[in-house]
Amino acid sequence: MMRLARAPDIALATVWCDLLREAGIAASVQRRFLSSAAGELPPDQCLPEVWIVHDTQEGRARELLQALRDLPQRRWTCAACGERVEGGFEQCWNCGAWMPAA
Protein backbone atom coordinates (compact mmCIF):
# COMPACT_ATOMS: atom_id res chain seq x y z
CA MET A 1 0.00 0.00 0.00
CA MET A 2 1.08 3.55 -0.55
CA ARG A 3 -0.24 7.01 0.23
CA LEU A 4 -1.25 8.75 -2.96
CA ALA A 5 -2.48 12.10 -1.68
CA ARG A 6 -3.64 14.15 1.28
CA ALA A 7 -6.97 15.85 0.81
CA PRO A 8 -8.07 19.13 2.42
CA ASP A 9 -11.30 17.52 3.68
CA ILE A 10 -13.11 14.19 3.88
CA ALA A 11 -15.54 15.04 1.08
CA LEU A 12 -12.78 15.58 -1.45
CA ALA A 13 -10.88 12.50 -0.26
CA THR A 14 -14.02 10.44 -0.82
CA VAL A 15 -14.52 11.83 -4.33
CA TRP A 16 -10.90 11.05 -5.23
CA CYS A 17 -11.16 7.54 -3.80
CA ASP A 18 -14.42 6.86 -5.67
CA LEU A 19 -12.85 8.06 -8.94
CA LEU A 20 -9.95 5.66 -8.48
CA ARG A 21 -12.22 2.75 -7.61
CA GLU A 22 -14.38 3.38 -10.68
CA ALA A 23 -11.20 3.14 -12.76
CA GLY A 24 -10.39 -0.25 -11.25
CA ILE A 25 -7.75 0.96 -8.80
CA ALA A 26 -8.14 -0.43 -5.29
CA ALA A 27 -8.10 2.62 -3.04
CA SER A 28 -9.18 3.64 0.44
CA VAL A 29 -9.50 6.77 2.56
CA GLN A 30 -7.35 6.72 5.69
CA ARG A 31 -7.50 9.14 8.65
CA ARG A 32 -11.21 9.52 7.94
CA PHE A 33 -12.08 10.48 11.51
CA LEU A 34 -8.85 12.09 12.65
CA SER A 35 -10.04 15.66 12.00
CA SER A 36 -11.66 15.65 15.45
CA ALA A 37 -8.16 15.41 16.94
CA ALA A 38 -6.97 18.62 15.27
CA GLY A 39 -5.71 20.89 18.01
CA GLU A 40 -4.47 17.99 20.08
CA LEU A 41 -2.36 16.91 17.09
CA PRO A 42 -0.88 19.17 14.41
CA PRO A 43 -3.66 19.99 11.89
CA ASP A 44 -1.60 18.84 8.89
CA GLN A 45 -1.31 15.41 10.52
CA CYS A 46 -5.10 15.12 10.72
CA LEU A 47 -5.92 15.49 7.04
CA PRO A 48 -7.63 12.56 5.32
CA GLU A 49 -5.41 10.55 2.96
CA VAL A 50 -6.09 8.50 -0.16
CA TRP A 51 -4.13 5.27 -0.33
CA ILE A 52 -3.86 2.74 -3.13
CA VAL A 53 -3.33 -0.98 -2.58
CA HIS A 54 -1.02 -1.73 -5.49
CA ASP A 55 2.07 0.47 -5.87
CA THR A 56 2.23 -0.49 -9.55
CA GLN A 57 -0.92 1.57 -10.17
CA GLU A 58 0.59 4.79 -8.86
CA GLY A 59 1.20 6.36 -12.28
CA ARG A 60 -2.33 5.76 -13.52
CA ALA A 61 -3.81 6.89 -10.19
CA ARG A 62 -1.87 10.17 -10.28
CA GLU A 63 -2.95 10.75 -13.89
CA LEU A 64 -6.60 10.30 -12.92
CA LEU A 65 -6.37 12.71 -10.00
CA GLN A 66 -4.61 15.30 -12.15
CA ALA A 67 -7.27 14.96 -14.85
CA LEU A 68 -9.93 15.54 -12.20
CA ARG A 69 -8.14 18.69 -11.00
CA ASP A 70 -7.79 19.96 -14.58
CA LEU A 71 -11.48 19.68 -15.52
CA PRO A 72 -12.57 22.80 -17.38
CA GLN A 73 -14.95 25.01 -15.47
CA ARG A 74 -17.86 26.64 -17.20
CA ARG A 75 -18.54 30.32 -16.80
CA TRP A 76 -21.80 31.88 -17.82
CA THR A 77 -23.82 35.02 -17.19
CA CYS A 78 -27.32 34.61 -15.86
CA ALA A 79 -29.87 36.04 -18.29
CA ALA A 80 -32.31 36.78 -15.44
CA CYS A 81 -30.12 38.76 -13.05
CA GLY A 82 -26.79 39.30 -14.84
CA GLU A 83 -24.78 37.43 -12.19
CA ARG A 84 -21.54 35.77 -13.32
CA VAL A 85 -21.69 32.05 -12.45
CA GLU A 86 -18.48 30.01 -12.37
CA GLY A 87 -17.76 26.35 -11.83
CA GLY A 88 -19.97 23.39 -12.54
CA PHE A 89 -23.20 25.10 -11.52
CA GLU A 90 -26.18 24.75 -13.83
CA GLN A 91 -28.31 27.10 -11.79
CA CYS A 92 -27.64 30.70 -10.79
CA TRP A 93 -26.69 30.91 -7.13
CA ASN A 94 -28.18 34.41 -6.91
CA CYS A 95 -31.66 34.00 -8.41
CA GLY A 96 -32.05 30.29 -9.16
CA ALA A 97 -32.44 30.66 -12.93
CA TRP A 98 -31.17 27.75 -15.02
CA MET A 99 -28.11 27.99 -17.22
CA PRO A 100 -29.01 28.68 -20.86
CA ALA A 101 -28.74 25.75 -23.26
CA ALA A 102 -25.44 25.62 -25.11
C-alpha atoms as a PDB file:
ATOM      1  CA  MET A   1       0.000   0.000   0.000  1.00  0.00           C
ATOM      2  CA  MET A   2       1.085   3.553  -0.547  1.00  0.00           C
ATOM      3  CA  ARG A   3      -0.243   7.012   0.231  1.00  0.00           C
ATOM      4  CA  LEU A   4      -1.252   8.750  -2.964  1.00  0.00           C
ATOM      5  CA  ALA A   5      -2.477  12.102  -1.681  1.00  0.00           C
ATOM      6  CA  ARG A   6      -3.644  14.149   1.278  1.00  0.00           C
ATOM      7  CA  ALA A   7      -6.975  15.853   0.811  1.00  0.00           C
ATOM      8  CA  PRO A   8      -8.072  19.129   2.418  1.00  0.00           C
ATOM      9  CA  ASP A   9     -11.301  17.521   3.675  1.00  0.00           C
ATOM     10  CA  ILE A  10     -13.114  14.194   3.882  1.00  0.00           C
ATOM     11  CA  ALA A  11     -15.543  15.041   1.079  1.00  0.00           C
ATOM     12  CA  LEU A  12     -12.777  15.576  -1.454  1.00  0.00           C
ATOM     13  CA  ALA A  13     -10.876  12.505  -0.263  1.00  0.00           C
ATOM     14  CA  THR A  14     -14.021  10.441  -0.818  1.00  0.00           C
ATOM     15  CA  VAL A  15     -14.524  11.834  -4.326  1.00  0.00           C
ATOM     16  CA  TRP A  16     -10.903  11.054  -5.225  1.00  0.00           C
ATOM     17  CA  CYS A  17     -11.159   7.539  -3.803  1.00  0.00           C
ATOM     18  CA  ASP A  18     -14.416   6.862  -5.666  1.00  0.00           C
ATOM     19  CA  LEU A  19     -12.854   8.062  -8.938  1.00  0.00           C
ATOM     20  CA  LEU A  20      -9.947   5.660  -8.479  1.00  0.00           C
ATOM     21  CA  ARG A  21     -12.218   2.747  -7.613  1.00  0.00           C
ATOM     22  CA  GLU A  22     -14.379   3.379 -10.683  1.00  0.00           C
ATOM     23  CA  ALA A  23     -11.198   3.136 -12.764  1.00  0.00           C
ATOM     24  CA  GLY A  24     -10.391  -0.251 -11.253  1.00  0.00           C
ATOM     25  CA  ILE A  25      -7.752   0.962  -8.804  1.00  0.00           C
ATOM     26  CA  ALA A  26      -8.139  -0.432  -5.293  1.00  0.00           C
ATOM     27  CA  ALA A  27      -8.103   2.622  -3.040  1.00  0.00           C
ATOM     28  CA  SER A  28      -9.184   3.644   0.437  1.00  0.00           C
ATOM     29  CA  VAL A  29      -9.498   6.769   2.562  1.00  0.00           C
ATOM     30  CA  GLN A  30      -7.350   6.724   5.694  1.00  0.00           C
ATOM     31  CA  ARG A  31      -7.498   9.142   8.645  1.00  0.00           C
ATOM     32  CA  ARG A  32     -11.210   9.524   7.937  1.00  0.00           C
ATOM     33  CA  PHE A  33     -12.084  10.482  11.505  1.00  0.00           C
ATOM     34  CA  LEU A  34      -8.847  12.088  12.654  1.00  0.00           C
ATOM     35  CA  SER A  35     -10.037  15.655  12.000  1.00  0.00           C
ATOM     36  CA  SER A  36     -11.661  15.648  15.447  1.00  0.00           C
ATOM     37  CA  ALA A  37      -8.163  15.409  16.943  1.00  0.00           C
ATOM     38  CA  ALA A  38      -6.968  18.620  15.271  1.00  0.00           C
ATOM     39  CA  GLY A  39      -5.708  20.888  18.014  1.00  0.00           C
ATOM     40  CA  GLU A  40      -4.473  17.989  20.082  1.00  0.00           C
ATOM     41  CA  LEU A  41      -2.362  16.913  17.091  1.00  0.00           C
ATOM     42  CA  PRO A  42      -0.879  19.167  14.405  1.00  0.00           C
ATOM     43  CA  PRO A  43      -3.657  19.988  11.886  1.00  0.00           C
ATOM     44  CA  ASP A  44      -1.600  18.844   8.890  1.00  0.00           C
ATOM     45  CA  GLN A  45      -1.309  15.405  10.517  1.00  0.00           C
ATOM     46  CA  CYS A  46      -5.100  15.115  10.721  1.00  0.00           C
ATOM     47  CA  LEU A  47      -5.922  15.494   7.035  1.00  0.00           C
ATOM     48  CA  PRO A  48      -7.626  12.557   5.318  1.00  0.00           C
ATOM     49  CA  GLU A  49      -5.414  10.554   2.964  1.00  0.00           C
ATOM     50  CA  VAL A  50      -6.086   8.503  -0.157  1.00  0.00           C
ATOM     51  CA  TRP A  51      -4.129   5.269  -0.327  1.00  0.00           C
ATOM     52  CA  ILE A  52      -3.863   2.744  -3.131  1.00  0.00           C
ATOM     53  CA  VAL A  53      -3.329  -0.977  -2.576  1.00  0.00           C
ATOM     54  CA  HIS A  54      -1.019  -1.730  -5.492  1.00  0.00           C
ATOM     55  CA  ASP A  55       2.069   0.466  -5.867  1.00  0.00           C
ATOM     56  CA  THR A  56       2.232  -0.491  -9.549  1.00  0.00           C
ATOM     57  CA  GLN A  57      -0.921   1.568 -10.170  1.00  0.00           C
ATOM     58  CA  GLU A  58       0.592   4.794  -8.863  1.00  0.00           C
ATOM     59  CA  GLY A  59       1.197   6.358 -12.279  1.00  0.00           C
ATOM     60  CA  ARG A  60      -2.335   5.759 -13.518  1.00  0.00           C
ATOM     61  CA  ALA A  61      -3.813   6.893 -10.193  1.00  0.00           C
ATOM     62  CA  ARG A  62      -1.872  10.174 -10.277  1.00  0.00           C
ATOM     63  CA  GLU A  63      -2.952  10.753 -13.890  1.00  0.00           C
ATOM     64  CA  LEU A  64      -6.601  10.299 -12.921  1.00  0.00           C
ATOM     65  CA  LEU A  65      -6.366  12.711  -9.997  1.00  0.00           C
ATOM     66  CA  GLN A  66      -4.611  15.296 -12.145  1.00  0.00           C
ATOM     67  CA  ALA A  67      -7.270  14.963 -14.849  1.00  0.00           C
ATOM     68  CA  LEU A  68      -9.929  15.544 -12.196  1.00  0.00           C
ATOM     69  CA  ARG A  69      -8.137  18.686 -11.001  1.00  0.00           C
ATOM     70  CA  ASP A  70      -7.794  19.956 -14.578  1.00  0.00           C
ATOM     71  CA  LEU A  71     -11.477  19.685 -15.519  1.00  0.00           C
ATOM     72  CA  PRO A  72     -12.572  22.803 -17.383  1.00  0.00           C
ATOM     73  CA  GLN A  73     -14.953  25.012 -15.469  1.00  0.00           C
ATOM     74  CA  ARG A  74     -17.863  26.643 -17.202  1.00  0.00           C
ATOM     75  CA  ARG A  75     -18.541  30.324 -16.796  1.00  0.00           C
ATOM     76  CA  TRP A  76     -21.796  31.884 -17.820  1.00  0.00           C
ATOM     77  CA  THR A  77     -23.819  35.018 -17.194  1.00  0.00           C
ATOM     78  CA  CYS A  78     -27.321  34.610 -15.863  1.00  0.00           C
ATOM     79  CA  ALA A  79     -29.871  36.035 -18.294  1.00  0.00           C
ATOM     80  CA  ALA A  80     -32.309  36.778 -15.443  1.00  0.00           C
ATOM     81  CA  CYS A  81     -30.115  38.765 -13.047  1.00  0.00           C
ATOM     82  CA  GLY A  82     -26.792  39.302 -14.841  1.00  0.00           C
ATOM     83  CA  GLU A  83     -24.780  37.432 -12.190  1.00  0.00           C
ATOM     84  CA  ARG A  84     -21.538  35.775 -13.323  1.00  0.00           C
ATOM     85  CA  VAL A  85     -21.688  32.051 -12.447  1.00  0.00           C
ATOM     86  CA  GLU A  86     -18.481  30.009 -12.373  1.00  0.00           C
ATOM     87  CA  GLY A  87     -17.759  26.349 -11.826  1.00  0.00           C
ATOM     88  CA  GLY A  88     -19.972  23.390 -12.536  1.00  0.00           C
ATOM     89  CA  PHE A  89     -23.202  25.101 -11.524  1.00  0.00           C
ATOM     90  CA  GLU A  90     -26.176  24.753 -13.833  1.00  0.00           C
ATOM     91  CA  GLN A  91     -28.315  27.096 -11.792  1.00  0.00           C
ATOM     92  CA  CYS A  92     -27.637  30.701 -10.794  1.00  0.00           C
ATOM     93  CA  TRP A  93     -26.693  30.908  -7.131  1.00  0.00           C
ATOM     94  CA  ASN A  94     -28.184  34.413  -6.914  1.00  0.00           C
ATOM     95  CA  CYS A  95     -31.664  33.996  -8.406  1.00  0.00           C
ATOM     96  CA  GLY A  96     -32.048  30.286  -9.155  1.00  0.00           C
ATOM     97  CA  ALA A  97     -32.443  30.656 -12.925  1.00  0.00           C
ATOM     98  CA  TRP A  98     -31.167  27.754 -15.022  1.00  0.00           C
ATOM     99  CA  MET A  99     -28.108  27.989 -17.218  1.00  0.00           C
ATOM    100  CA  PRO A 100     -29.014  28.679 -20.862  1.00  0.00           C
ATOM    101  CA  ALA A 101     -28.742  25.751 -23.264  1.00  0.00           C
ATOM    102  CA  ALA A 102     -25.442  25.625 -25.110  1.00  0.00           C
END
